PDB file of N, CA and C in Angstrom:
ATOM      1  N   UNK A   1     100.695  20.543   3.594  1.00  0.00           N
ATOM      2  CA  UNK A   1     100.004  19.283   3.431  1.00  0.00           C
ATOM      3  C   UNK A   1      99.240  19.311   2.107  1.00  0.00           C
ATOM      4  N   UNK A   2      99.056  18.154   1.525  1.00  0.00           N
ATOM      5  CA  UNK A   2      98.307  18.019   0.274  1.00  0.00           C
ATOM      6  C   UNK A   2      97.024  17.249   0.548  1.00  0.00           C
ATOM      7  N   UNK A   3      95.923  17.732  -0.002  1.00  0.00           N
ATOM      8  CA  UNK A   3      94.666  16.987   0.071  1.00  0.00           C
ATOM      9  C   UNK A   3      94.260  16.580  -1.336  1.00  0.00           C
ATOM     10  N   UNK A   4      93.561  15.453  -1.440  1.00  0.00           N
ATOM     11  CA  UNK A   4      93.056  14.973  -2.728  1.00  0.00           C
ATOM     12  C   UNK A   4      91.604  14.573  -2.557  1.00  0.00           C
ATOM     13  N   UNK A   5      90.760  15.121  -3.429  1.00  0.00           N
ATOM     14  CA  UNK A   5      89.335  14.804  -3.434  1.00  0.00           C
ATOM     15  C   UNK A   5      88.909  14.507  -4.858  1.00  0.00           C
ATOM     16  N   UNK A   6      87.784  13.835  -4.992  1.00  0.00           N
ATOM     17  CA  UNK A   6      87.248  13.573  -6.322  1.00  0.00           C
ATOM     18  C   UNK A   6      86.002  14.405  -6.549  1.00  0.00           C
ATOM     19  N   UNK A   7      85.894  14.903  -7.773  1.00  0.00           N
ATOM     20  CA  UNK A   7      84.718  15.628  -8.201  1.00  0.00           C
ATOM     21  C   UNK A   7      84.392  15.149  -9.605  1.00  0.00           C
ATOM     22  N   UNK A   8      83.546  15.894 -10.278  1.00  0.00           N
ATOM     23  CA  UNK A   8      83.155  15.521 -11.631  1.00  0.00           C
ATOM     24  C   UNK A   8      82.933  16.787 -12.445  1.00  0.00           C
ATOM     25  N   UNK A   9      83.169  16.663 -13.736  1.00  0.00           N
ATOM     26  CA  UNK A   9      82.922  17.768 -14.661  1.00  0.00           C
ATOM     27  C   UNK A   9      82.341  17.183 -15.940  1.00  0.00           C
ATOM     28  N   UNK A  10      81.883  18.059 -16.810  1.00  0.00           N
ATOM     29  CA  UNK A  10      81.288  17.620 -18.071  1.00  0.00           C
ATOM     30  C   UNK A  10      82.186  17.967 -19.242  1.00  0.00           C
ATOM     31  N   UNK A  11      82.226  17.052 -20.186  1.00  0.00           N
ATOM     32  CA  UNK A  11      82.865  17.277 -21.473  1.00  0.00           C
ATOM     33  C   UNK A  11      81.778  16.982 -22.493  1.00  0.00           C
ATOM     34  N   UNK A  12      81.131  18.040 -22.983  1.00  0.00           N
ATOM     35  CA  UNK A  12      79.935  17.839 -23.805  1.00  0.00           C
ATOM     36  C   UNK A  12      78.815  17.369 -22.902  1.00  0.00           C
ATOM     37  N   UNK A  13      78.285  16.175 -23.168  1.00  0.00           N
ATOM     38  CA  UNK A  13      77.242  15.607 -22.311  1.00  0.00           C
ATOM     39  C   UNK A  13      77.766  14.450 -21.477  1.00  0.00           C
ATOM     40  N   UNK A  14      79.063  14.196 -21.553  1.00  0.00           N
ATOM     41  CA  UNK A  14      79.669  13.101 -20.800  1.00  0.00           C
ATOM     42  C   UNK A  14      80.364  13.625 -19.545  1.00  0.00           C
ATOM     43  N   UNK A  15      80.146  12.934 -18.443  1.00  0.00           N
ATOM     44  CA  UNK A  15      80.806  13.299 -17.191  1.00  0.00           C
ATOM     45  C   UNK A  15      82.137  12.563 -17.081  1.00  0.00           C
ATOM     46  N   UNK A  16      83.094  13.204 -16.432  1.00  0.00           N
ATOM     47  CA  UNK A  16      84.367  12.547 -16.146  1.00  0.00           C
ATOM     48  C   UNK A  16      84.829  12.958 -14.749  1.00  0.00           C
ATOM     49  N   UNK A  17      85.653  12.111 -14.151  1.00  0.00           N
ATOM     50  CA  UNK A  17      86.166  12.358 -12.805  1.00  0.00           C
ATOM     51  C   UNK A  17      87.260  13.417 -12.861  1.00  0.00           C
ATOM     52  N   UNK A  18      87.196  14.346 -11.926  1.00  0.00           N
ATOM     53  CA  UNK A  18      88.238  15.353 -11.757  1.00  0.00           C
ATOM     54  C   UNK A  18      88.850  15.136 -10.373  1.00  0.00           C
ATOM     55  N   UNK A  19      90.157  14.975 -10.335  1.00  0.00           N
ATOM     56  CA  UNK A  19      90.842  14.895  -9.052  1.00  0.00           C
ATOM     57  C   UNK A  19      91.251  16.309  -8.657  1.00  0.00           C
ATOM     58  N   UNK A  20      90.791  16.738  -7.496  1.00  0.00           N
ATOM     59  CA  UNK A  20      91.088  18.076  -6.988  1.00  0.00           C
ATOM     60  C   UNK A  20      92.185  17.929  -5.930  1.00  0.00           C
ATOM     61  N   UNK A  21      93.370  18.419  -6.259  1.00  0.00           N
ATOM     62  CA  UNK A  21      94.499  18.376  -5.332  1.00  0.00           C
ATOM     63  C   UNK A  21      94.738  19.791  -4.815  1.00  0.00           C
ATOM     64  N   UNK A  22      94.866  19.927  -3.505  1.00  0.00           N
ATOM     65  CA  UNK A  22      95.107  21.238  -2.904  1.00  0.00           C
ATOM     66  C   UNK A  22      96.360  21.142  -2.040  1.00  0.00           C
ATOM     67  N   UNK A  23      97.272  22.079  -2.274  1.00  0.00           N
ATOM     68  CA  UNK A  23      98.520  22.150  -1.513  1.00  0.00           C
ATOM     69  C   UNK A  23      98.595  23.515  -0.846  1.00  0.00           C
ATOM     70  N   UNK A  24      98.710  23.512   0.471  1.00  0.00           N
ATOM     71  CA  UNK A  24      98.864  24.744   1.239  1.00  0.00           C
ATOM     72  C   UNK A  24     100.280  24.738   1.800  1.00  0.00           C
ATOM     73  N   UNK A  25     101.042  25.790   1.476  1.00  0.00           N
ATOM     74  CA  UNK A  25     102.439  25.838   1.907  1.00  0.00           C
ATOM     75  C   UNK A  25     102.803  27.245   2.363  1.00  0.00           C
ATOM     76  N   UNK A  26     103.944  27.339   3.022  1.00  0.00           N
ATOM     77  CA  UNK A  26     104.450  28.646   3.425  1.00  0.00           C
ATOM     78  C   UNK A  26     104.883  29.420   2.191  1.00  0.00           C
ATOM     79  N   UNK A  27     104.831  30.717   2.283  1.00  0.00           N
ATOM     80  CA  UNK A  27     105.206  31.582   1.172  1.00  0.00           C
ATOM     81  C   UNK A  27     104.269  32.771   1.123  1.00  0.00           C
ATOM     82  N   UNK A  28     104.484  33.618   0.134  1.00  0.00           N
ATOM     83  CA  UNK A  28     103.605  34.772  -0.024  1.00  0.00           C
ATOM     84  C   UNK A  28     102.178  34.294  -0.247  1.00  0.00           C
ATOM     85  N   UNK A  29     101.208  34.898   0.431  1.00  0.00           N
ATOM     86  CA  UNK A  29      99.824  34.476   0.250  1.00  0.00           C
ATOM     87  C   UNK A  29      99.385  34.585  -1.207  1.00  0.00           C
ATOM     88  N   UNK A  30      98.895  33.485  -1.735  1.00  0.00           N
ATOM     89  CA  UNK A  30      98.368  33.450  -3.101  1.00  0.00           C
ATOM     90  C   UNK A  30      97.399  32.288  -3.194  1.00  0.00           C
ATOM     91  N   UNK A  31      96.593  32.293  -4.245  1.00  0.00           N
ATOM     92  CA  UNK A  31      95.598  31.246  -4.457  1.00  0.00           C
ATOM     93  C   UNK A  31      95.558  31.002  -5.957  1.00  0.00           C
ATOM     94  N   UNK A  32      96.202  29.931  -6.400  1.00  0.00           N
ATOM     95  CA  UNK A  32      96.305  29.629  -7.824  1.00  0.00           C
ATOM     96  C   UNK A  32      95.592  28.331  -8.155  1.00  0.00           C
ATOM     97  N   UNK A  33      94.869  28.341  -9.271  1.00  0.00           N
ATOM     98  CA  UNK A  33      94.176  27.150  -9.755  1.00  0.00           C
ATOM     99  C   UNK A  33      94.743  26.818 -11.121  1.00  0.00           C
ATOM    100  N   UNK A  34      95.257  25.585 -11.265  1.00  0.00           N
ATOM    101  CA  UNK A  34      95.834  25.129 -12.525  1.00  0.00           C
ATOM    102  C   UNK A  34      95.095  23.883 -12.999  1.00  0.00           C
ATOM    103  N   UNK A  35      95.260  23.554 -14.277  1.00  0.00           N
ATOM    104  CA  UNK A  35      94.607  22.368 -14.829  1.00  0.00           C
ATOM    105  C   UNK A  35      93.491  22.720 -15.789  1.00  0.00           C
ATOM    106  N   UNK A  36      93.675  23.748 -16.593  1.00  0.00           N
ATOM    107  CA  UNK A  36      92.716  24.229 -17.602  1.00  0.00           C
ATOM    108  C   UNK A  36      91.355  24.633 -17.029  1.00  0.00           C
ATOM    109  N   UNK A  37      91.332  25.479 -15.985  1.00  0.00           N
ATOM    110  CA  UNK A  37      90.048  25.970 -15.477  1.00  0.00           C
ATOM    111  C   UNK A  37      89.514  27.098 -16.350  1.00  0.00           C
ATOM    112  N   UNK A  38      88.182  27.173 -16.493  1.00  0.00           N
ATOM    113  CA  UNK A  38      87.590  28.302 -17.216  1.00  0.00           C
ATOM    114  C   UNK A  38      87.444  29.486 -16.257  1.00  0.00           C
ATOM    115  N   UNK A  39      86.838  30.560 -16.743  1.00  0.00           N
ATOM    116  CA  UNK A  39      86.694  31.775 -15.934  1.00  0.00           C
ATOM    117  C   UNK A  39      85.890  31.522 -14.662  1.00  0.00           C
ATOM    118  N   UNK A  40      84.807  30.756 -14.743  1.00  0.00           N
ATOM    119  CA  UNK A  40      83.981  30.492 -13.556  1.00  0.00           C
ATOM    120  C   UNK A  40      84.782  29.764 -12.484  1.00  0.00           C
ATOM    121  N   UNK A  41      85.661  28.859 -12.892  1.00  0.00           N
ATOM    122  CA  UNK A  41      86.486  28.149 -11.911  1.00  0.00           C
ATOM    123  C   UNK A  41      87.558  29.076 -11.351  1.00  0.00           C
ATOM    124  N   UNK A  42      88.159  29.917 -12.190  1.00  0.00           N
ATOM    125  CA  UNK A  42      89.131  30.888 -11.682  1.00  0.00           C
ATOM    126  C   UNK A  42      88.475  31.802 -10.644  1.00  0.00           C
ATOM    127  N   UNK A  43      87.209  32.162 -10.885  1.00  0.00           N
ATOM    128  CA  UNK A  43      86.485  33.021  -9.947  1.00  0.00           C
ATOM    129  C   UNK A  43      86.135  32.300  -8.653  1.00  0.00           C
ATOM    130  N   UNK A  44      86.240  30.981  -8.631  1.00  0.00           N
ATOM    131  CA  UNK A  44      85.927  30.247  -7.408  1.00  0.00           C
ATOM    132  C   UNK A  44      86.878  30.621  -6.274  1.00  0.00           C
ATOM    133  N   UNK A  45      88.049  31.154  -6.605  1.00  0.00           N
ATOM    134  CA  UNK A  45      88.962  31.624  -5.551  1.00  0.00           C
ATOM    135  C   UNK A  45      88.249  32.601  -4.628  1.00  0.00           C
ATOM    136  N   UNK A  46      87.508  33.537  -5.210  1.00  0.00           N
ATOM    137  CA  UNK A  46      86.812  34.544  -4.401  1.00  0.00           C
ATOM    138  C   UNK A  46      85.625  33.942  -3.661  1.00  0.00           C
ATOM    139  N   UNK A  47      84.888  33.044  -4.325  1.00  0.00           N
ATOM    140  CA  UNK A  47      83.748  32.408  -3.654  1.00  0.00           C
ATOM    141  C   UNK A  47      84.227  31.545  -2.489  1.00  0.00           C
ATOM    142  N   UNK A  48      85.290  30.773  -2.709  1.00  0.00           N
ATOM    143  CA  UNK A  48      85.817  29.897  -1.657  1.00  0.00           C
ATOM    144  C   UNK A  48      86.323  30.726  -0.476  1.00  0.00           C
ATOM    145  N   UNK A  49      87.100  31.747  -0.753  1.00  0.00           N
ATOM    146  CA  UNK A  49      87.647  32.597   0.318  1.00  0.00           C
ATOM    147  C   UNK A  49      86.506  33.200   1.151  1.00  0.00           C
ATOM    148  N   UNK A  50      85.530  33.797   0.491  1.00  0.00           N
ATOM    149  CA  UNK A  50      84.414  34.429   1.193  1.00  0.00           C
ATOM    150  C   UNK A  50      83.565  33.401   1.935  1.00  0.00           C
ATOM    151  N   UNK A  51      83.272  32.277   1.288  1.00  0.00           N
ATOM    152  CA  UNK A  51      82.432  31.245   1.905  1.00  0.00           C
ATOM    153  C   UNK A  51      83.080  30.688   3.167  1.00  0.00           C
ATOM    154  N   UNK A  52      84.377  30.398   3.111  1.00  0.00           N
ATOM    155  CA  UNK A  52      85.045  29.850   4.293  1.00  0.00           C
ATOM    156  C   UNK A  52      85.063  30.859   5.438  1.00  0.00           C
ATOM    157  N   UNK A  53      85.360  32.103   5.132  1.00  0.00           N
ATOM    158  CA  UNK A  53      85.378  33.125   6.187  1.00  0.00           C
ATOM    159  C   UNK A  53      83.995  33.311   6.799  1.00  0.00           C
ATOM    160  N   UNK A  54      82.959  33.351   5.958  1.00  0.00           N
ATOM    161  CA  UNK A  54      81.601  33.552   6.466  1.00  0.00           C
ATOM    162  C   UNK A  54      81.039  32.326   7.165  1.00  0.00           C
ATOM    163  N   UNK A  55      81.619  31.158   6.909  1.00  0.00           N
ATOM    164  CA  UNK A  55      81.228  29.941   7.624  1.00  0.00           C
ATOM    165  C   UNK A  55      82.081  29.762   8.884  1.00  0.00           C
ATOM    166  N   UNK A  56      82.853  30.796   9.211  1.00  0.00           N
ATOM    167  CA  UNK A  56      83.679  30.862  10.409  1.00  0.00           C
ATOM    168  C   UNK A  56      84.828  29.858  10.431  1.00  0.00           C
ATOM    169  N   UNK A  57      85.363  29.537   9.251  1.00  0.00           N
ATOM    170  CA  UNK A  57      86.602  28.779   9.150  1.00  0.00           C
ATOM    171  C   UNK A  57      87.743  29.768   8.975  1.00  0.00           C
ATOM    172  N   UNK A  58      88.935  29.326   9.301  1.00  0.00           N
ATOM    173  CA  UNK A  58      90.129  30.150   9.104  1.00  0.00           C
ATOM    174  C   UNK A  58      90.595  29.979   7.662  1.00  0.00           C
ATOM    175  N   UNK A  59      90.709  31.077   6.927  1.00  0.00           N
ATOM    176  CA  UNK A  59      91.253  30.997   5.573  1.00  0.00           C
ATOM    177  C   UNK A  59      92.752  31.222   5.678  1.00  0.00           C
ATOM    178  N   UNK A  60      93.563  30.250   5.241  1.00  0.00           N
ATOM    179  CA  UNK A  60      95.012  30.364   5.432  1.00  0.00           C
ATOM    180  C   UNK A  60      95.632  31.489   4.606  1.00  0.00           C
ATOM    181  N   UNK A  61      96.425  32.309   5.258  1.00  0.00           N
ATOM    182  CA  UNK A  61      97.175  33.358   4.569  1.00  0.00           C
ATOM    183  C   UNK A  61      98.529  32.773   4.170  1.00  0.00           C
ATOM    184  N   UNK A  62      98.462  31.788   3.269  1.00  0.00           N
ATOM    185  CA  UNK A  62      99.632  31.067   2.797  1.00  0.00           C
ATOM    186  C   UNK A  62      99.513  30.904   1.290  1.00  0.00           C
ATOM    187  N   UNK A  63     100.446  30.179   0.720  1.00  0.00           N
ATOM    188  CA  UNK A  63     100.396  29.879  -0.709  1.00  0.00           C
ATOM    189  C   UNK A  63      99.488  28.661  -0.901  1.00  0.00           C
ATOM    190  N   UNK A  64      98.428  28.831  -1.692  1.00  0.00           N
ATOM    191  CA  UNK A  64      97.483  27.748  -1.972  1.00  0.00           C
ATOM    192  C   UNK A  64      97.548  27.448  -3.463  1.00  0.00           C
ATOM    193  N   UNK A  65      97.814  26.187  -3.777  1.00  0.00           N
ATOM    194  CA  UNK A  65      97.833  25.749  -5.169  1.00  0.00           C
ATOM    195  C   UNK A  65      96.799  24.650  -5.326  1.00  0.00           C
ATOM    196  N   UNK A  66      95.906  24.818  -6.299  1.00  0.00           N
ATOM    197  CA  UNK A  66      94.883  23.823  -6.602  1.00  0.00           C
ATOM    198  C   UNK A  66      95.180  23.269  -7.987  1.00  0.00           C
ATOM    199  N   UNK A  67      95.281  21.950  -8.076  1.00  0.00           N
ATOM    200  CA  UNK A  67      95.484  21.286  -9.362  1.00  0.00           C
ATOM    201  C   UNK A  67      94.234  20.484  -9.690  1.00  0.00           C
ATOM    202  N   UNK A  68      93.704  20.692 -10.890  1.00  0.00           N
ATOM    203  CA  UNK A  68      92.529  19.959 -11.363  1.00  0.00           C
ATOM    204  C   UNK A  68      92.996  18.975 -12.430  1.00  0.00           C
ATOM    205  N   UNK A  69      92.970  17.692 -12.092  1.00  0.00           N
ATOM    206  CA  UNK A  69      93.458  16.667 -13.019  1.00  0.00           C
ATOM    207  C   UNK A  69      92.284  15.857 -13.559  1.00  0.00           C
ATOM    208  N   UNK A  70      92.310  15.490 -14.821  1.00  0.00           N
ATOM    209  CA  UNK A  70      93.421  15.591 -15.758  1.00  0.00           C
ATOM    210  C   UNK A  70      93.626  17.038 -16.229  1.00  0.00           C
ATOM    211  N   UNK A  71      94.889  17.421 -16.333  1.00  0.00           N
ATOM    212  CA  UNK A  71      95.242  18.801 -16.658  1.00  0.00           C
ATOM    213  C   UNK A  71      95.011  19.149 -18.117  1.00  0.00           C
ATOM    214  N   UNK A  72      94.847  18.152 -18.969  1.00  0.00           N
ATOM    215  CA  UNK A  72      94.714  18.431 -20.405  1.00  0.00           C
ATOM    216  C   UNK A  72      93.267  18.548 -20.878  1.00  0.00           C
ATOM    217  N   UNK A  73      92.307  18.524 -19.955  1.00  0.00           N
ATOM    218  CA  UNK A  73      90.889  18.649 -20.307  1.00  0.00           C
ATOM    219  C   UNK A  73      90.335  19.903 -19.633  1.00  0.00           C
ATOM    220  N   UNK A  74      89.682  20.770 -20.402  1.00  0.00           N
ATOM    221  CA  UNK A  74      89.125  22.018 -19.867  1.00  0.00           C
ATOM    222  C   UNK A  74      87.973  21.715 -18.906  1.00  0.00           C
ATOM    223  N   UNK A  75      87.987  22.395 -17.761  1.00  0.00           N
ATOM    224  CA  UNK A  75      86.913  22.269 -16.776  1.00  0.00           C
ATOM    225  C   UNK A  75      86.108  23.558 -16.772  1.00  0.00           C
ATOM    226  N   UNK A  76      84.774  23.423 -16.664  1.00  0.00           N
ATOM    227  CA  UNK A  76      83.885  24.584 -16.753  1.00  0.00           C
ATOM    228  C   UNK A  76      82.903  24.616 -15.594  1.00  0.00           C
ATOM    229  N   UNK A  77      82.492  25.829 -15.232  1.00  0.00           N
ATOM    230  CA  UNK A  77      81.408  26.017 -14.275  1.00  0.00           C
ATOM    231  C   UNK A  77      81.864  26.050 -12.829  1.00  0.00           C
ATOM    232  N   UNK A  78      80.951  26.443 -11.949  1.00  0.00           N
ATOM    233  CA  UNK A  78      81.276  26.621 -10.533  1.00  0.00           C
ATOM    234  C   UNK A  78      81.130  25.363  -9.678  1.00  0.00           C
ATOM    235  N   UNK A  79      80.875  24.205 -10.269  1.00  0.00           N
ATOM    236  CA  UNK A  79      80.618  22.985  -9.497  1.00  0.00           C
ATOM    237  C   UNK A  79      81.828  22.490  -8.712  1.00  0.00           C
ATOM    238  N   UNK A  80      83.005  23.033  -8.981  1.00  0.00           N
ATOM    239  CA  UNK A  80      84.205  22.608  -8.253  1.00  0.00           C
ATOM    240  C   UNK A  80      84.482  23.474  -7.020  1.00  0.00           C
ATOM    241  N   UNK A  81      83.623  24.461  -6.743  1.00  0.00           N
ATOM    242  CA  UNK A  81      83.802  25.313  -5.556  1.00  0.00           C
ATOM    243  C   UNK A  81      83.896  24.489  -4.273  1.00  0.00           C
ATOM    244  N   UNK A  82      82.926  23.603  -4.071  1.00  0.00           N
ATOM    245  CA  UNK A  82      82.853  22.847  -2.818  1.00  0.00           C
ATOM    246  C   UNK A  82      84.058  21.928  -2.630  1.00  0.00           C
ATOM    247  N   UNK A  83      84.454  21.128  -3.632  1.00  0.00           N
ATOM    248  CA  UNK A  83      85.646  20.304  -3.403  1.00  0.00           C
ATOM    249  C   UNK A  83      86.917  21.131  -3.195  1.00  0.00           C
ATOM    250  N   UNK A  84      87.021  22.285  -3.840  1.00  0.00           N
ATOM    251  CA  UNK A  84      88.188  23.145  -3.609  1.00  0.00           C
ATOM    252  C   UNK A  84      88.175  23.643  -2.163  1.00  0.00           C
ATOM    253  N   UNK A  85      87.026  24.094  -1.679  1.00  0.00           N
ATOM    254  CA  UNK A  85      86.927  24.600  -0.300  1.00  0.00           C
ATOM    255  C   UNK A  85      87.242  23.506   0.718  1.00  0.00           C
ATOM    256  N   UNK A  86      86.683  22.325   0.528  1.00  0.00           N
ATOM    257  CA  UNK A  86      86.965  21.218   1.446  1.00  0.00           C
ATOM    258  C   UNK A  86      88.441  20.848   1.371  1.00  0.00           C
ATOM    259  N   UNK A  87      89.004  20.868   0.164  1.00  0.00           N
ATOM    260  CA  UNK A  87      90.427  20.578   0.003  1.00  0.00           C
ATOM    261  C   UNK A  87      91.302  21.563   0.750  1.00  0.00           C
ATOM    262  N   UNK A  88      90.942  22.846   0.724  1.00  0.00           N
ATOM    263  CA  UNK A  88      91.697  23.863   1.471  1.00  0.00           C
ATOM    264  C   UNK A  88      91.630  23.557   2.966  1.00  0.00           C
ATOM    265  N   UNK A  89      90.455  23.209   3.467  1.00  0.00           N
ATOM    266  CA  UNK A  89      90.309  22.911   4.895  1.00  0.00           C
ATOM    267  C   UNK A  89      91.100  21.673   5.298  1.00  0.00           C
ATOM    268  N   UNK A  90      91.098  20.640   4.455  1.00  0.00           N
ATOM    269  CA  UNK A  90      91.865  19.429   4.758  1.00  0.00           C
ATOM    270  C   UNK A  90      93.363  19.722   4.709  1.00  0.00           C
ATOM    271  N   UNK A  91      93.804  20.403   3.656  1.00  0.00           N
ATOM    272  CA  UNK A  91      95.233  20.699   3.505  1.00  0.00           C
ATOM    273  C   UNK A  91      95.738  21.615   4.612  1.00  0.00           C
ATOM    274  N   UNK A  92      94.861  22.416   5.174  1.00  0.00           N
ATOM    275  CA  UNK A  92      95.223  23.324   6.264  1.00  0.00           C
ATOM    276  C   UNK A  92      94.933  22.701   7.636  1.00  0.00           C
ATOM    277  N   UNK A  93      94.588  21.417   7.633  1.00  0.00           N
ATOM    278  CA  UNK A  93      94.352  20.623   8.843  1.00  0.00           C
ATOM    279  C   UNK A  93      93.223  21.155   9.719  1.00  0.00           C
ATOM    280  N   UNK A  94      92.182  21.696   9.076  1.00  0.00           N
ATOM    281  CA  UNK A  94      90.990  22.121   9.808  1.00  0.00           C
ATOM    282  C   UNK A  94      89.878  21.086   9.697  1.00  0.00           C
ATOM    283  N   UNK A  95      90.109  20.061   8.879  1.00  0.00           N
ATOM    284  CA  UNK A  95      89.102  19.038   8.627  1.00  0.00           C
ATOM    285  C   UNK A  95      89.827  17.735   8.309  1.00  0.00           C
ATOM    286  N   UNK A  96      89.225  16.618   8.688  1.00  0.00           N
ATOM    287  CA  UNK A  96      89.788  15.302   8.382  1.00  0.00           C
ATOM    288  C   UNK A  96      89.419  14.879   6.965  1.00  0.00           C
ATOM    289  N   UNK A  97      90.318  14.184   6.292  1.00  0.00           N
ATOM    290  CA  UNK A  97      90.080  13.731   4.920  1.00  0.00           C
ATOM    291  C   UNK A  97      89.246  12.459   4.860  1.00  0.00           C
ATOM    292  N   UNK A  98      89.262  11.667   5.902  1.00  0.00           N
ATOM    293  CA  UNK A  98      88.648  10.339   5.874  1.00  0.00           C
ATOM    294  C   UNK A  98      87.178  10.339   5.457  1.00  0.00           C
ATOM    295  N   UNK A  99      86.325  11.252   5.935  1.00  0.00           N
ATOM    296  CA  UNK A  99      84.908  11.177   5.545  1.00  0.00           C
ATOM    297  C   UNK A  99      84.659  11.376   4.049  1.00  0.00           C
ATOM    298  N   UNK A 100      85.621  11.929   3.322  1.00  0.00           N
ATOM    299  CA  UNK A 100      85.400  12.295   1.928  1.00  0.00           C
ATOM    300  C   UNK A 100      86.053  11.352   0.924  1.00  0.00           C
ATOM    301  N   UNK A 101      86.800  10.359   1.384  1.00  0.00           N
ATOM    302  CA  UNK A 101      87.606   9.564   0.460  1.00  0.00           C
ATOM    303  C   UNK A 101      86.792   8.718  -0.514  1.00  0.00           C
ATOM    304  N   UNK A 102      85.571   8.373  -0.194  1.00  0.00           N
ATOM    305  CA  UNK A 102      84.764   7.513  -1.060  1.00  0.00           C
ATOM    306  C   UNK A 102      83.649   8.257  -1.791  1.00  0.00           C
ATOM    307  N   UNK A 103      83.729   9.583  -1.839  1.00  0.00           N
ATOM    308  CA  UNK A 103      82.652  10.367  -2.434  1.00  0.00           C
ATOM    309  C   UNK A 103      83.140  11.223  -3.592  1.00  0.00           C
ATOM    310  N   UNK A 104      82.217  11.549  -4.469  1.00  0.00           N
ATOM    311  CA  UNK A 104      82.449  12.556  -5.499  1.00  0.00           C
ATOM    312  C   UNK A 104      81.731  13.805  -5.002  1.00  0.00           C
ATOM    313  N   UNK A 105      82.456  14.900  -4.887  1.00  0.00           N
ATOM    314  CA  UNK A 105      81.923  16.120  -4.281  1.00  0.00           C
ATOM    315  C   UNK A 105      81.702  17.167  -5.364  1.00  0.00           C
ATOM    316  N   UNK A 106      80.482  17.693  -5.425  1.00  0.00           N
ATOM    317  CA  UNK A 106      80.106  18.698  -6.421  1.00  0.00           C
ATOM    318  C   UNK A 106      79.267  19.757  -5.716  1.00  0.00           C
ATOM    319  N   UNK A 107      79.538  21.027  -5.979  1.00  0.00           N
ATOM    320  CA  UNK A 107      78.691  22.073  -5.420  1.00  0.00           C
ATOM    321  C   UNK A 107      79.261  23.452  -5.628  1.00  0.00           C
ATOM    322  N   UNK A 108      78.369  24.388  -5.890  1.00  0.00           N
ATOM    323  CA  UNK A 108      78.736  25.801  -5.988  1.00  0.00           C
ATOM    324  C   UNK A 108      78.544  26.433  -4.617  1.00  0.00           C
ATOM    325  N   UNK A 109      79.436  27.332  -4.246  1.00  0.00           N
ATOM    326  CA  UNK A 109      79.319  28.030  -2.969  1.00  0.00           C
ATOM    327  C   UNK A 109      78.816  29.446  -3.174  1.00  0.00           C
ATOM    328  N   UNK A 110      77.950  29.887  -2.259  1.00  0.00           N
ATOM    329  CA  UNK A 110      77.574  31.300  -2.253  1.00  0.00           C
ATOM    330  C   UNK A 110      78.558  32.023  -1.344  1.00  0.00           C
ATOM    331  N   UNK A 111      78.571  33.326  -1.404  1.00  0.00           N
ATOM    332  CA  UNK A 111      79.526  34.097  -0.612  1.00  0.00           C
ATOM    333  C   UNK A 111      79.308  33.951   0.888  1.00  0.00           C
ATOM    334  N   UNK A 112      78.080  33.614   1.294  1.00  0.00           N
ATOM    335  CA  UNK A 112      77.806  33.466   2.728  1.00  0.00           C
ATOM    336  C   UNK A 112      78.146  32.075   3.258  1.00  0.00           C
ATOM    337  N   UNK A 113      78.619  31.183   2.384  1.00  0.00           N
ATOM    338  CA  UNK A 113      79.026  29.852   2.811  1.00  0.00           C
ATOM    339  C   UNK A 113      78.006  28.768   2.549  1.00  0.00           C
ATOM    340  N   UNK A 114      76.828  29.119   2.062  1.00  0.00           N
ATOM    341  CA  UNK A 114      75.842  28.081   1.761  1.00  0.00           C
ATOM    342  C   UNK A 114      76.171  27.417   0.420  1.00  0.00           C
ATOM    343  N   UNK A 115      75.633  26.214   0.243  1.00  0.00           N
ATOM    344  CA  UNK A 115      75.886  25.439  -0.974  1.00  0.00           C
ATOM    345  C   UNK A 115      74.705  25.604  -1.913  1.00  0.00           C
ATOM    346  N   UNK A 116      75.011  25.948  -3.154  1.00  0.00           N
ATOM    347  CA  UNK A 116      73.975  26.087  -4.173  1.00  0.00           C
ATOM    348  C   UNK A 116      73.941  24.826  -5.023  1.00  0.00           C
ATOM    349  N   UNK A 117      72.770  24.453  -5.509  1.00  0.00           N
ATOM    350  CA  UNK A 117      72.711  23.280  -6.395  1.00  0.00           C
ATOM    351  C   UNK A 117      73.379  23.588  -7.731  1.00  0.00           C
ATOM    352  N   UNK A 118      73.920  22.561  -8.333  1.00  0.00           N
ATOM    353  CA  UNK A 118      74.489  22.712  -9.672  1.00  0.00           C
ATOM    354  C   UNK A 118      73.518  22.073 -10.648  1.00  0.00           C
ATOM    355  N   UNK A 119      73.131  22.813 -11.635  1.00  0.00           N
ATOM    356  CA  UNK A 119      72.104  22.364 -12.572  1.00  0.00           C
ATOM    357  C   UNK A 119      72.736  21.997 -13.913  1.00  0.00           C
ATOM    358  N   UNK A 120      73.469  20.899 -13.935  1.00  0.00           N
ATOM    359  CA  UNK A 120      74.101  20.434 -15.168  1.00  0.00           C
ATOM    360  C   UNK A 120      73.607  19.023 -15.426  1.00  0.00           C
ATOM    361  N   UNK A 121      73.463  18.688 -16.678  1.00  0.00           N
ATOM    362  CA  UNK A 121      72.956  17.360 -17.033  1.00  0.00           C
ATOM    363  C   UNK A 121      73.973  16.628 -17.883  1.00  0.00           C
ATOM    364  N   UNK A 122      74.023  15.315 -17.696  1.00  0.00           N
ATOM    365  CA  UNK A 122      74.910  14.486 -18.511  1.00  0.00           C
ATOM    366  C   UNK A 122      74.160  13.223 -18.908  1.00  0.00           C
ATOM    367  N   UNK A 123      74.734  12.509 -19.852  1.00  0.00           N
ATOM    368  CA  UNK A 123      74.085  11.264 -20.283  1.00  0.00           C
ATOM    369  C   UNK A 123      74.871  10.072 -19.800  1.00  0.00           C
TER     370      UNK A 123
END
């Protein structure tokens, strides 16, 4: 199943919408993030995995692909942790997508599953 959520990122001091698409499929277990993520976003794989397990959700042992669109703009920082985690839960049918369709979701996850504030400013 594919889930789609909206988030936001910064380009300089300007914010732009990021569409977070998550696809969970059969295959060798992997967790790939595409769409020009920086190191902090690549590291979100570990934060998301740990946060979901510690929040007592099932982390799928399947192939997980996360696409951050637009793919031609670099995304930075850990603020996409929360939409990626929610996307994994929706794509794995552990959560309904309907409550999130009208929101922009931003948040860093701690390893224990709590949400940390993101301290970024835009104009």
